[in-house]
Amino acid sequence: MGSSPNITLHDKAFRPYLSAAELAAAVEALAGRLSADYAGRRPLFVVVLTGGFMFASDLLKRFSGDCEIVFIRVASYEGTSSTGQVQEILGLREDVQGRDLILVEDIVDTGTTLHHLLPTLLAKNPASMEIAALFFKPASLRHELTLNYVALEIPNDFVVGYGLDYDGLGRNLPEVYVAA
C-alpha cells in the first residue's frame, strides 16, 4: 500500500496493508463473477453486520442484476481474537424458501460464525446458498466450509479498516491495516 501512515487504535499499532484501490479492484472482480453466475436470477443477499456493511455496499453497487438485500447481526469477536461464541442478535425475518441466498461476510477466519449460521439458514429451505467473503484466512479455518466467492485470501494476521474493527474502532477507514 502506498504512503498511508501507520495508525494506532486503542493500544495497538497498525501499518498499511491494502489500499482503497486494491480493495475496489478485488470487490469489482468478485461482483463481476456474481453478476455472471446469477444472471437472470434474483438472489437475496444476506449481509452479516456489522463488519460486512462497507464490503456489501460496494459489492452490491457493482452487482449488475436484480437482487434483494437483508441484514443479520452476529458477533464472535472480542478484541483481536474470536471468542468462539456466536450470538445471533438480529435474525432473518424474510421467507427464504426457494430463494437463492448469498451470505455476505467481511472475513472468514475460524469459520465459527458461518458454522453457526449455515444450518439455521439451510433449515429455511433456500433453493441455493453461497458465501461471498471479502477476506478468507485459510490458516485460521476450524470448520469445513465451501467458499466459492472470495475477494482476497490473506494470512492469519489481525486486520482493521473497511468495515473491520478493533474493539469498535477502525471500521470507517477506507483502506485495510494490519497489526504492526
Foldseek 3Di string as FASTA:
>chain_A
DPDDQWDDDDHFIWGFDWALVLLLVLLLVLLVVVLVVQPPAEAEEEEEDDLQPLSVVSNVVNNDDHYHYDYWYWAQDAFQDGVLDIDTDGDDDDQQAQHEYEYEEAEAFQCSVVVVVVVVVVVSHYPYYAYAYAEYAVVRHNDDDDHPHYSYYDHPFGKAACRRDGRPPRPPHSGMITTD
